[in-house]
Amino acid sequence: MKPLDPRLLRYARASRWYLAATVVLGVLSAALIVGQATILAYGISAVFLDGATVADLMPALVALAAVTAGRAAIGGGWAA
């Protein structure tokens, strides 16, 4: 008995691109989740500790919107 079925190698070649795409999308998604948590932590602490206003938080809110849009795009790419 052979240790590896040759048919599995054919299937592995066919799915290599999908596996690589899944890994890349997963890493990007994880990085965006960390970024989103960092931006949220900054905004929450700025409001409660420094008394920041909405105008003070505008750059953070724009960055949060961009990260959220990136996560949505990756989620859509993951499903496609």
PDB file of N, CA and C in Angstrom:
ATOM      1  N   MET A   1       0.849  -1.179   0.000  1.00  0.00           N
ATOM      2  CA  MET A   1       0.000   0.000   0.000  1.00  0.00           C
ATOM      3  C   MET A   1       0.892   1.240   0.000  1.00  0.00           C
ATOM      4  N   LYS A   2       0.544   2.197  -0.847  1.00  0.00           N
ATOM      5  CA  LYS A   2       1.311   3.433  -0.928  1.00  0.00           C
ATOM      6  C   LYS A   2       0.953   4.347   0.247  1.00  0.00           C
ATOM      7  N   PRO A   3       1.929   5.132   0.709  1.00  0.00           N
ATOM      8  CA  PRO A   3       1.639   6.009   1.850  1.00  0.00           C
ATOM      9  C   PRO A   3       0.739   7.188   1.483  1.00  0.00           C
ATOM     10  N   LEU A   4       0.666   7.515   0.185  1.00  0.00           N
ATOM     11  CA  LEU A   4      -0.131   8.657  -0.243  1.00  0.00           C
ATOM     12  C   LEU A   4      -0.829   8.328  -1.550  1.00  0.00           C
ATOM     13  N   ASP A   5      -2.097   8.549  -1.585  1.00  0.00           N
ATOM     14  CA  ASP A   5      -2.871   8.293  -2.787  1.00  0.00           C
ATOM     15  C   ASP A   5      -2.555   9.369  -3.839  1.00  0.00           C
ATOM     16  N   PRO A   6      -2.156   8.991  -5.049  1.00  0.00           N
ATOM     17  CA  PRO A   6      -1.816   9.984  -6.073  1.00  0.00           C
ATOM     18  C   PRO A   6      -2.979  10.909  -6.437  1.00  0.00           C
ATOM     19  N   ARG A   7      -4.195  10.469  -6.235  1.00  0.00           N
ATOM     20  CA  ARG A   7      -5.346  11.331  -6.526  1.00  0.00           C
ATOM     21  C   ARG A   7      -5.380  12.542  -5.608  1.00  0.00           C
ATOM     22  N   LEU A   8      -4.901  12.379  -4.388  1.00  0.00           N
ATOM     23  CA  LEU A   8      -4.869  13.512  -3.461  1.00  0.00           C
ATOM     24  C   LEU A   8      -3.942  14.614  -3.956  1.00  0.00           C
ATOM     25  N   LEU A   9      -2.852  14.249  -4.590  1.00  0.00           N
ATOM     26  CA  LEU A   9      -1.937  15.247  -5.128  1.00  0.00           C
ATOM     27  C   LEU A   9      -2.589  16.046  -6.244  1.00  0.00           C
ATOM     28  N   ARG A  10      -3.402  15.401  -7.067  1.00  0.00           N
ATOM     29  CA  ARG A  10      -4.110  16.127  -8.120  1.00  0.00           C
ATOM     30  C   ARG A  10      -5.101  17.114  -7.516  1.00  0.00           C
ATOM     31  N   TYR A  11      -5.817  16.693  -6.487  1.00  0.00           N
ATOM     32  CA  TYR A  11      -6.762  17.600  -5.839  1.00  0.00           C
ATOM     33  C   TYR A  11      -6.033  18.745  -5.145  1.00  0.00           C
ATOM     34  N   ALA A  12      -4.893  18.472  -4.574  1.00  0.00           N
ATOM     35  CA  ALA A  12      -4.131  19.513  -3.883  1.00  0.00           C
ATOM     36  C   ALA A  12      -3.676  20.581  -4.861  1.00  0.00           C
ATOM     37  N   ARG A  13      -3.259  20.202  -6.050  1.00  0.00           N
ATOM     38  CA  ARG A  13      -2.845  21.182  -7.055  1.00  0.00           C
ATOM     39  C   ARG A  13      -4.021  22.070  -7.451  1.00  0.00           C
ATOM     40  N   ALA A  14      -5.192  21.485  -7.574  1.00  0.00           N
ATOM     41  CA  ALA A  14      -6.368  22.244  -7.997  1.00  0.00           C
ATOM     42  C   ALA A  14      -6.826  23.224  -6.917  1.00  0.00           C
ATOM     43  N   SER A  15      -6.611  22.910  -5.674  1.00  0.00           N
ATOM     44  CA  SER A  15      -7.107  23.766  -4.596  1.00  0.00           C
ATOM     45  C   SER A  15      -6.016  24.633  -3.970  1.00  0.00           C
ATOM     46  N   ARG A  16      -4.823  24.621  -4.500  1.00  0.00           N
ATOM     47  CA  ARG A  16      -3.726  25.389  -3.904  1.00  0.00           C
ATOM     48  C   ARG A  16      -4.025  26.882  -3.891  1.00  0.00           C
ATOM     49  N   TRP A  17      -4.573  27.421  -4.996  1.00  0.00           N
ATOM     50  CA  TRP A  17      -4.886  28.840  -5.063  1.00  0.00           C
ATOM     51  C   TRP A  17      -5.942  29.222  -4.025  1.00  0.00           C
ATOM     52  N   TYR A  18      -6.970  28.377  -3.875  1.00  0.00           N
ATOM     53  CA  TYR A  18      -8.034  28.666  -2.915  1.00  0.00           C
ATOM     54  C   TYR A  18      -7.503  28.633  -1.487  1.00  0.00           C
ATOM     55  N   LEU A  19      -6.628  27.720  -1.209  1.00  0.00           N
ATOM     56  CA  LEU A  19      -6.037  27.640   0.119  1.00  0.00           C
ATOM     57  C   LEU A  19      -5.190  28.877   0.407  1.00  0.00           C
ATOM     58  N   ALA A  20      -4.396  29.298  -0.554  1.00  0.00           N
ATOM     59  CA  ALA A  20      -3.570  30.495  -0.372  1.00  0.00           C
ATOM     60  C   ALA A  20      -4.445  31.731  -0.190  1.00  0.00           C
ATOM     61  N   ALA A  21      -5.497  31.849  -0.973  1.00  0.00           N
ATOM     62  CA  ALA A  21      -6.400  33.000  -0.847  1.00  0.00           C
ATOM     63  C   ALA A  21      -7.082  33.018   0.519  1.00  0.00           C
ATOM     64  N   THR A  22      -7.477  31.864   1.012  1.00  0.00           N
ATOM     65  CA  THR A  22      -8.115  31.781   2.320  1.00  0.00           C
ATOM     66  C   THR A  22      -7.158  32.193   3.429  1.00  0.00           C
ATOM     67  N   VAL A  23      -5.913  31.765   3.327  1.00  0.00           N
ATOM     68  CA  VAL A  23      -4.920  32.138   4.333  1.00  0.00           C
ATOM     69  C   VAL A  23      -4.671  33.646   4.305  1.00  0.00           C
ATOM     70  N   VAL A  24      -4.515  34.212   3.124  1.00  0.00           N
ATOM     71  CA  VAL A  24      -4.260  35.655   3.007  1.00  0.00           C
ATOM     72  C   VAL A  24      -5.447  36.452   3.540  1.00  0.00           C
ATOM     73  N   LEU A  25      -6.658  36.065   3.168  1.00  0.00           N
ATOM     74  CA  LEU A  25      -7.838  36.768   3.661  1.00  0.00           C
ATOM     75  C   LEU A  25      -7.984  36.632   5.174  1.00  0.00           C
ATOM     76  N   GLY A  26      -7.637  35.493   5.714  1.00  0.00           N
ATOM     77  CA  GLY A  26      -7.697  35.300   7.161  1.00  0.00           C
ATOM     78  C   GLY A  26      -6.703  36.175   7.904  1.00  0.00           C
ATOM     79  N   VAL A  27      -5.490  36.281   7.378  1.00  0.00           N
ATOM     80  CA  VAL A  27      -4.477  37.129   8.010  1.00  0.00           C
ATOM     81  C   VAL A  27      -4.891  38.601   7.925  1.00  0.00           C
ATOM     82  N   LEU A  28      -5.381  39.027   6.759  1.00  0.00           N
ATOM     83  CA  LEU A  28      -5.840  40.411   6.623  1.00  0.00           C
ATOM     84  C   LEU A  28      -7.022  40.704   7.546  1.00  0.00           C
ATOM     85  N   SER A  29      -7.929  39.765   7.661  1.00  0.00           N
ATOM     86  CA  SER A  29      -9.074  39.946   8.541  1.00  0.00           C
ATOM     87  C   SER A  29      -8.625  40.075   9.992  1.00  0.00           C
ATOM     88  N   ALA A  30      -7.684  39.244  10.400  1.00  0.00           N
ATOM     89  CA  ALA A  30      -7.182  39.326  11.777  1.00  0.00           C
ATOM     90  C   ALA A  30      -6.492  40.659  12.033  1.00  0.00           C
ATOM     91  N   ALA A  31      -5.719  41.140  11.072  1.00  0.00           N
ATOM     92  CA  ALA A  31      -5.041  42.428  11.231  1.00  0.00           C
ATOM     93  C   ALA A  31      -6.053  43.564  11.329  1.00  0.00           C
ATOM     94  N   LEU A  32      -7.112  43.503  10.535  1.00  0.00           N
ATOM     95  CA  LEU A  32      -8.126  44.545  10.592  1.00  0.00           C
ATOM     96  C   LEU A  32      -8.918  44.492  11.894  1.00  0.00           C
ATOM     97  N   ILE A  33      -9.128  43.315  12.439  1.00  0.00           N
ATOM     98  CA  ILE A  33      -9.807  43.200  13.735  1.00  0.00           C
ATOM     99  C   ILE A  33      -8.962  43.834  14.828  1.00  0.00           C
ATOM    100  N   VAL A  34      -7.666  43.589  14.800  1.00  0.00           N
ATOM    101  CA  VAL A  34      -6.772  44.210  15.779  1.00  0.00           C
ATOM    102  C   VAL A  34      -6.778  45.727  15.601  1.00  0.00           C
ATOM    103  N   GLY A  35      -6.732  46.182  14.365  1.00  0.00           N
ATOM    104  CA  GLY A  35      -6.786  47.617  14.108  1.00  0.00           C
ATOM    105  C   GLY A  35      -8.083  48.236  14.584  1.00  0.00           C
ATOM    106  N   GLN A  36      -9.180  47.565  14.348  1.00  0.00           N
ATOM    107  CA  GLN A  36     -10.471  48.070  14.781  1.00  0.00           C
ATOM    108  C   GLN A  36     -10.539  48.146  16.306  1.00  0.00           C
ATOM    109  N   ALA A  37     -10.048  47.144  16.985  1.00  0.00           N
ATOM    110  CA  ALA A  37     -10.035  47.160  18.446  1.00  0.00           C
ATOM    111  C   ALA A  37      -9.149  48.282  18.980  1.00  0.00           C
ATOM    112  N   THR A  38      -8.022  48.519  18.320  1.00  0.00           N
ATOM    113  CA  THR A  38      -7.117  49.581  18.747  1.00  0.00           C
ATOM    114  C   THR A  38      -7.771  50.949  18.586  1.00  0.00           C
ATOM    115  N   ILE A  39      -8.422  51.169  17.457  1.00  0.00           N
ATOM    116  CA  ILE A  39      -9.087  52.451  17.216  1.00  0.00           C
ATOM    117  C   ILE A  39     -10.233  52.653  18.201  1.00  0.00           C
ATOM    118  N   LEU A  40     -10.994  51.615  18.443  1.00  0.00           N
ATOM    119  CA  LEU A  40     -12.089  51.730  19.415  1.00  0.00           C
ATOM    120  C   LEU A  40     -11.561  52.022  20.814  1.00  0.00           C
ATOM    121  N   ALA A  41     -10.489  51.347  21.217  1.00  0.00           N
ATOM    122  CA  ALA A  41      -9.907  51.590  22.539  1.00  0.00           C
ATOM    123  C   ALA A  41      -9.407  53.021  22.652  1.00  0.00           C
ATOM    124  N   TYR A  42      -8.782  53.514  21.589  1.00  0.00           N
ATOM    125  CA  TYR A  42      -8.313  54.900  21.592  1.00  0.00           C
ATOM    126  C   TYR A  42      -9.489  55.859  21.751  1.00  0.00           C
ATOM    127  N   GLY A  43     -10.528  55.658  20.970  1.00  0.00           N
ATOM    128  CA  GLY A  43     -11.678  56.558  21.018  1.00  0.00           C
ATOM    129  C   GLY A  43     -12.383  56.535  22.351  1.00  0.00           C
ATOM    130  N   ILE A  44     -12.590  55.369  22.904  1.00  0.00           N
ATOM    131  CA  ILE A  44     -13.279  55.250  24.190  1.00  0.00           C
ATOM    132  C   ILE A  44     -12.449  55.889  25.299  1.00  0.00           C
ATOM    133  N   SER A  45     -11.165  55.623  25.312  1.00  0.00           N
ATOM    134  CA  SER A  45     -10.324  56.207  26.363  1.00  0.00           C
ATOM    135  C   SER A  45     -10.198  57.717  26.189  1.00  0.00           C
ATOM    136  N   ALA A  46     -10.177  58.207  24.957  1.00  0.00           N
ATOM    137  CA  ALA A  46     -10.107  59.648  24.731  1.00  0.00           C
ATOM    138  C   ALA A  46     -11.355  60.345  25.251  1.00  0.00           C
ATOM    139  N   VAL A  47     -12.508  59.724  25.075  1.00  0.00           N
ATOM    140  CA  VAL A  47     -13.748  60.330  25.548  1.00  0.00           C
ATOM    141  C   VAL A  47     -13.809  60.320  27.075  1.00  0.00           C
ATOM    142  N   PHE A  48     -13.525  59.185  27.683  1.00  0.00           N
ATOM    143  CA  PHE A  48     -13.693  59.074  29.127  1.00  0.00           C
ATOM    144  C   PHE A  48     -12.553  59.696  29.922  1.00  0.00           C
ATOM    145  N   LEU A  49     -11.339  59.623  29.433  1.00  0.00           N
ATOM    146  CA  LEU A  49     -10.209  60.146  30.194  1.00  0.00           C
ATOM    147  C   LEU A  49      -9.871  61.592  29.849  1.00  0.00           C
ATOM    148  N   ASP A  50     -10.022  61.962  28.573  1.00  0.00           N
ATOM    149  CA  ASP A  50      -9.621  63.299  28.145  1.00  0.00           C
ATOM    150  C   ASP A  50     -10.805  64.209  27.831  1.00  0.00           C
ATOM    151  N   GLY A  51     -12.002  63.665  27.826  1.00  0.00           N
ATOM    152  CA  GLY A  51     -13.177  64.471  27.509  1.00  0.00           C
ATOM    153  C   GLY A  51     -13.212  64.916  26.055  1.00  0.00           C
ATOM    154  N   ALA A  52     -12.760  64.075  25.150  1.00  0.00           N
ATOM    155  CA  ALA A  52     -12.703  64.423  23.728  1.00  0.00           C
ATOM    156  C   ALA A  52     -14.108  64.600  23.157  1.00  0.00           C
ATOM    157  N   THR A  53     -14.202  65.503  22.211  1.00  0.00           N
ATOM    158  CA  THR A  53     -15.474  65.743  21.527  1.00  0.00           C
ATOM    159  C   THR A  53     -15.484  64.973  20.200  1.00  0.00           C
ATOM    160  N   VAL A  54     -16.609  65.069  19.510  1.00  0.00           N
ATOM    161  CA  VAL A  54     -16.720  64.389  18.218  1.00  0.00           C
ATOM    162  C   VAL A  54     -15.715  64.971  17.227  1.00  0.00           C
ATOM    163  N   ALA A  55     -15.500  66.272  17.297  1.00  0.00           N
ATOM    164  CA  ALA A  55     -14.529  66.906  16.395  1.00  0.00           C
ATOM    165  C   ALA A  55     -13.121  66.380  16.666  1.00  0.00           C
ATOM    166  N   ASP A  56     -12.811  66.146  17.937  1.00  0.00           N
ATOM    167  CA  ASP A  56     -11.495  65.599  18.286  1.00  0.00           C
ATOM    168  C   ASP A  56     -11.332  64.165  17.785  1.00  0.00           C
ATOM    169  N   LEU A  57     -12.437  63.460  17.733  1.00  0.00           N
ATOM    170  CA  LEU A  57     -12.397  62.044  17.346  1.00  0.00           C
ATOM    171  C   LEU A  57     -12.596  61.816  15.852  1.00  0.00           C
ATOM    172  N   MET A  58     -12.764  62.863  15.080  1.00  0.00           N
ATOM    173  CA  MET A  58     -13.058  62.699  13.653  1.00  0.00           C
ATOM    174  C   MET A  58     -12.010  61.859  12.910  1.00  0.00           C
ATOM    175  N   PRO A  59     -10.701  62.068  13.111  1.00  0.00           N
ATOM    176  CA  PRO A  59      -9.738  61.184  12.427  1.00  0.00           C
ATOM    177  C   PRO A  59      -9.893  59.711  12.822  1.00  0.00           C
ATOM    178  N   ALA A  60     -10.168  59.469  14.087  1.00  0.00           N
ATOM    179  CA  ALA A  60     -10.361  58.087  14.542  1.00  0.00           C
ATOM    180  C   ALA A  60     -11.640  57.495  13.959  1.00  0.00           C
ATOM    181  N   LEU A  61     -12.679  58.317  13.845  1.00  0.00           N
ATOM    182  CA  LEU A  61     -13.932  57.820  13.272  1.00  0.00           C
ATOM    183  C   LEU A  61     -13.791  57.514  11.782  1.00  0.00           C
ATOM    184  N   VAL A  62     -13.028  58.331  11.077  1.00  0.00           N
ATOM    185  CA  VAL A  62     -12.779  58.066   9.653  1.00  0.00           C
ATOM    186  C   VAL A  62     -11.961  56.776   9.501  1.00  0.00           C
ATOM    187  N   ALA A  63     -10.952  56.617  10.358  1.00  0.00           N
ATOM    188  CA  ALA A  63     -10.145  55.391  10.309  1.00  0.00           C
ATOM    189  C   ALA A  63     -10.990  54.174  10.659  1.00  0.00           C
ATOM    190  N   LEU A  64     -11.887  54.322  11.631  1.00  0.00           N
ATOM    191  CA  LEU A  64     -12.766  53.213  12.007  1.00  0.00           C
ATOM    192  C   LEU A  64     -13.696  52.843  10.857  1.00  0.00           C
ATOM    193  N   ALA A  65     -14.205  53.844  10.145  1.00  0.00           N
ATOM    194  CA  ALA A  65     -15.052  53.567   8.983  1.00  0.00           C
ATOM    195  C   ALA A  65     -14.263  52.852   7.893  1.00  0.00           C
ATOM    196  N   ALA A  66     -13.021  53.259   7.687  1.00  0.00           N
ATOM    197  CA  ALA A  66     -12.191  52.610   6.665  1.00  0.00           C
ATOM    198  C   ALA A  66     -11.894  51.158   7.033  1.00  0.00           C
ATOM    199  N   VAL A  67     -11.582  50.917   8.298  1.00  0.00           N
ATOM    200  CA  VAL A  67     -11.297  49.547   8.738  1.00  0.00           C
ATOM    201  C   VAL A  67     -12.555  48.686   8.635  1.00  0.00           C
ATOM    202  N   THR A  68     -13.689  49.252   8.998  1.00  0.00           N
ATOM    203  CA  THR A  68     -14.948  48.507   8.899  1.00  0.00           C
ATOM    204  C   THR A  68     -15.267  48.180   7.441  1.00  0.00           C
ATOM    205  N   ALA A  69     -15.042  49.133   6.548  1.00  0.00           N
ATOM    206  CA  ALA A  69     -15.258  48.875   5.121  1.00  0.00           C
ATOM    207  C   ALA A  69     -14.292  47.802   4.616  1.00  0.00           C
ATOM    208  N   GLY A  70     -13.055  47.827   5.095  1.00  0.00           N
ATOM    209  CA  GLY A  70     -12.096  46.794   4.717  1.00  0.00           C
ATOM    210  C   GLY A  70     -12.519  45.415   5.188  1.00  0.00           C
ATOM    211  N   ARG A  71     -13.023  45.359   6.410  1.00  0.00           N
ATOM    212  CA  ARG A  71     -13.507  44.061   6.910  1.00  0.00           C
ATOM    213  C   ARG A  71     -14.706  43.568   6.112  1.00  0.00           C
ATOM    214  N   ALA A  72     -15.576  44.490   5.718  1.00  0.00           N
ATOM    215  CA  ALA A  72     -16.736  44.100   4.910  1.00  0.00           C
ATOM    216  C   ALA A  72     -16.291  43.607   3.539  1.00  0.00           C
ATOM    217  N   ALA A  73     -15.301  44.264   2.960  1.00  0.00           N
ATOM    218  CA  ALA A  73     -14.800  43.843   1.651  1.00  0.00           C
ATOM    219  C   ALA A  73     -14.146  42.469   1.731  1.00  0.00           C
ATOM    220  N   ILE A  74     -13.389  42.242   2.791  1.00  0.00           N
ATOM    221  CA  ILE A  74     -12.753  40.934   2.963  1.00  0.00           C
ATOM    222  C   ILE A  74     -13.809  39.864   3.211  1.00  0.00           C
ATOM    223  N   GLY A  75     -14.820  40.202   3.995  1.00  0.00           N
ATOM    224  CA  GLY A  75     -15.906  39.250   4.218  1.00  0.00           C
ATOM    225  C   GLY A  75     -16.614  38.896   2.936  1.00  0.00           C
ATOM    226  N   GLY A  76     -16.799  39.879   2.073  1.00  0.00           N
ATOM    227  CA  GLY A  76     -17.412  39.616   0.768  1.00  0.00           C
ATOM    228  C   GLY A  76     -16.504  38.803  -0.127  1.00  0.00           C
ATOM    229  N   GLY A  77     -15.195  39.053  -0.045  1.00  0.00           N
ATOM    230  CA  GLY A  77     -14.241  38.279  -0.823  1.00  0.00           C
ATOM    231  C   GLY A  77     -14.145  36.855  -0.328  1.00  0.00           C
ATOM    232  N   TRP A  78     -14.314  36.685   0.963  1.00  0.00           N
ATOM    233  CA  TRP A  78     -14.251  35.357   1.558  1.00  0.00           C
ATOM    234  C   TRP A  78     -15.437  34.517   1.061  1.00  0.00           C
ATOM    235  N   ALA A  79     -16.583  35.158   0.962  1.00  0.00           N
ATOM    236  CA  ALA A  79     -17.778  34.422   0.550  1.00  0.00           C
ATOM    237  C   ALA A  79     -17.810  34.165  -0.948  1.00  0.00           C
ATOM    238  N   ALA A  80     -17.074  34.947  -1.707  1.00  0.00           N
ATOM    239  CA  ALA A  80     -17.143  34.809  -3.169  1.00  0.00           C
ATOM    240  C   ALA A  80     -16.399  33.622  -3.687  1.00  0.00           C
TER     241      ALA A  80
END
